[in-house]
C-alpha atoms as a PDB file:
ATOM      1  CA  MET A   1     -14.428-102.455  -5.242  1.00  0.00           C
ATOM      2  CA  ARG A   2     -11.617-102.271  -8.260  1.00  0.00           C
ATOM      3  CA  PRO A   3      -8.158-102.766  -7.251  1.00  0.00           C
ATOM      4  CA  PHE A   4      -6.573 -99.335  -7.763  1.00  0.00           C
ATOM      5  CA  LYS A   5      -3.223 -99.383  -9.083  1.00  0.00           C
ATOM      6  CA  ASN A   6       0.027 -97.522  -8.271  1.00  0.00           C
ATOM      7  CA  ASN A   7       0.829 -95.029 -10.882  1.00  0.00           C
ATOM      8  CA  LEU A   8      -1.289 -93.773 -13.681  1.00  0.00           C
ATOM      9  CA  SER A   9       1.178 -95.242 -16.034  1.00  0.00           C
ATOM     10  CA  GLU A  10       0.336 -99.011 -15.173  1.00  0.00           C
ATOM     11  CA  TYR A  11      -3.374 -97.809 -16.328  1.00  0.00           C
ATOM     12  CA  THR A  12      -3.991 -98.405 -20.148  1.00  0.00           C
ATOM     13  CA  GLU A  13      -6.416 -95.413 -21.339  1.00  0.00           C
ATOM     14  CA  SER A  14      -9.293 -97.267 -21.529  1.00  0.00           C
ATOM     15  CA  GLU A  15      -9.072 -98.497 -17.293  1.00  0.00           C
ATOM     16  CA  PHE A  16      -8.634 -94.834 -16.432  1.00  0.00           C
ATOM     17  CA  LEU A  17     -11.629 -94.157 -18.682  1.00  0.00           C
ATOM     18  CA  GLU A  18     -13.386 -96.709 -16.381  1.00  0.00           C
ATOM     19  CA  LEU A  19     -12.667 -94.904 -13.440  1.00  0.00           C
ATOM     20  CA  ILE A  20     -13.695 -91.647 -14.284  1.00  0.00           C
ATOM     21  CA  GLN A  21     -16.752 -92.923 -15.532  1.00  0.00           C
ATOM     22  CA  GLU A  22     -17.280 -94.470 -11.995  1.00  0.00           C
ATOM     23  CA  ILE A  23     -16.707 -90.848 -10.282  1.00  0.00           C
ATOM     24  CA  CYS A  24     -18.614 -88.806 -12.812  1.00  0.00           C
ATOM     25  CA  GLY A  25     -21.792 -91.592 -12.923  1.00  0.00           C
ATOM     26  CA  VAL A  26     -21.650 -91.574  -8.677  1.00  0.00           C
ATOM     27  CA  VAL A  27     -21.322 -95.316  -8.850  1.00  0.00           C
ATOM     28  CA  GLY A  28     -21.404 -96.667  -5.258  1.00  0.00           C
ATOM     29  CA  THR A  29     -21.330 -95.244  -2.064  1.00  0.00           C
ATOM     30  CA  GLU A  30     -19.882 -91.756  -0.790  1.00  0.00           C
ATOM     31  CA  GLU A  31     -17.267 -93.522   1.005  1.00  0.00           C
ATOM     32  CA  TYR A  32     -16.341 -95.346  -2.457  1.00  0.00           C
ATOM     33  CA  GLN A  33     -16.611 -92.046  -4.291  1.00  0.00           C
ATOM     34  CA  ASP A  34     -14.354 -90.724  -1.950  1.00  0.00           C
ATOM     35  CA  GLU A  35     -11.789 -92.883  -2.591  1.00  0.00           C
ATOM     36  CA  LEU A  36     -12.070 -93.191  -6.089  1.00  0.00           C
ATOM     37  CA  LEU A  37     -11.262 -89.183  -6.489  1.00  0.00           C
ATOM     38  CA  GLU A  38      -8.757 -89.356  -3.599  1.00  0.00           C
ATOM     39  CA  HIS A  39      -7.142 -92.029  -5.907  1.00  0.00           C
ATOM     40  CA  PHE A  40      -7.670 -90.110  -8.809  1.00  0.00           C
ATOM     41  CA  ILE A  41      -5.913 -87.191  -7.679  1.00  0.00           C
ATOM     42  CA  GLU A  42      -2.809 -89.297  -6.483  1.00  0.00           C
ATOM     43  CA  VAL A  43      -2.431 -91.100  -9.840  1.00  0.00           C
ATOM     44  CA  THR A  44      -2.666 -87.686 -11.624  1.00  0.00           C
ATOM     45  CA  GLY A  45      -0.184 -86.150  -9.828  1.00  0.00           C
ATOM     46  CA  CYS A  46      -1.934 -82.610  -9.613  1.00  0.00           C
ATOM     47  CA  ALA A  47      -3.618 -81.325  -6.570  1.00  0.00           C
ATOM     48  CA  ALA A  48      -6.299 -79.675  -8.646  1.00  0.00           C
ATOM     49  CA  ALA A  49      -7.135 -82.634 -10.443  1.00  0.00           C
ATOM     50  CA  SER A  50     -10.679 -82.690  -8.807  1.00  0.00           C
ATOM     51  CA  ASP A  51     -11.464 -79.545 -10.623  1.00  0.00           C
ATOM     52  CA  TRP A  52     -11.566 -81.042 -13.813  1.00  0.00           C
ATOM     53  CA  ILE A  53     -14.184 -83.136 -12.711  1.00  0.00           C
ATOM     54  CA  TYR A  54     -16.252 -80.683 -10.809  1.00  0.00           C
ATOM     55  CA  TYR A  55     -15.212 -77.445 -11.600  1.00  0.00           C
ATOM     56  CA  PRO A  56     -13.810 -77.561 -15.254  1.00  0.00           C
ATOM     57  CA  GLN A  57     -13.141 -74.679 -17.181  1.00  0.00           C
ATOM     58  CA  ASP A  58     -15.672 -72.683 -19.336  1.00  0.00           C
ATOM     59  CA  ASP A  59     -14.550 -74.091 -22.571  1.00  0.00           C
ATOM     60  CA  ALA A  60     -13.463 -77.573 -21.328  1.00  0.00           C
ATOM     61  CA  ASP A  61     -14.608 -80.976 -22.574  1.00  0.00           C
ATOM     62  CA  ASP A  62     -16.034 -82.054 -18.957  1.00  0.00           C
ATOM     63  CA  SER A  63     -16.964 -85.721 -20.280  1.00  0.00           C
ATOM     64  CA  ALA A  64     -15.361 -88.502 -19.240  1.00  0.00           C
ATOM     65  CA  GLU A  65     -13.177 -88.846 -22.169  1.00  0.00           C
ATOM     66  CA  GLY A  66     -12.971 -84.997 -22.240  1.00  0.00           C
ATOM     67  CA  ILE A  67     -11.195 -85.240 -18.675  1.00  0.00           C
ATOM     68  CA  VAL A  68      -9.101 -88.550 -20.055  1.00  0.00           C
ATOM     69  CA  GLN A  69      -7.994 -86.234 -22.622  1.00  0.00           C
ATOM     70  CA  THR A  70      -6.829 -83.127 -19.970  1.00  0.00           C
ATOM     71  CA  VAL A  71      -5.113 -85.305 -17.558  1.00  0.00           C
ATOM     72  CA  LYS A  72      -3.165 -86.751 -20.812  1.00  0.00           C
ATOM     73  CA  ALA A  73      -2.511 -83.250 -21.289  1.00  0.00           C
ATOM     74  CA  TRP A  74      -1.484 -82.410 -18.093  1.00  0.00           C
ATOM     75  CA  ARG A  75       0.781 -85.035 -17.504  1.00  0.00           C
ATOM     76  CA  ALA A  76       2.479 -84.328 -21.098  1.00  0.00           C
ATOM     77  CA  ALA A  77       2.912 -80.468 -20.220  1.00  0.00           C
ATOM     78  CA  ASN A  78       4.771 -81.925 -16.898  1.00  0.00           C
ATOM     79  CA  ARG A  79       6.554 -84.118 -18.534  1.00  0.00           C
ATOM     80  CA  LEU A  80       4.989 -87.082 -16.511  1.00  0.00           C
ATOM     81  CA  PRO A  81       4.951 -90.538 -17.919  1.00  0.00           C
ATOM     82  CA  GLY A  82       1.203 -91.602 -19.477  1.00  0.00           C
ATOM     83  CA  PHE A  83      -0.807 -94.272 -19.815  1.00  0.00           C
ATOM     84  CA  LYS A  84       0.807 -97.901 -20.484  1.00  0.00           C
ATOM     85  CA  ASP A  85      -0.239 -99.667 -24.203  1.00  0.00           C
ATOM     86  CA  ALA A  86      -3.108-101.477 -23.876  1.00  0.00           C
END
């Protein structure tokens, strides 16, 4: 299991992309997947963030990279910090 960081701003964009790829790729056990998803929701700060993965809007890019872009856009629109620099 990867160590989780406390805030989205502690992740680089590439580190967070890896986390999303693990969710989308259904890596590990069901318990691990639940932990990944709960962490994803917590650090994005959006209670509905799981919809970006499982129920994306029809015109949304639902690839892992597209989900990262959605997270970035949502955080910026809500004046929340983004990813740390690499």
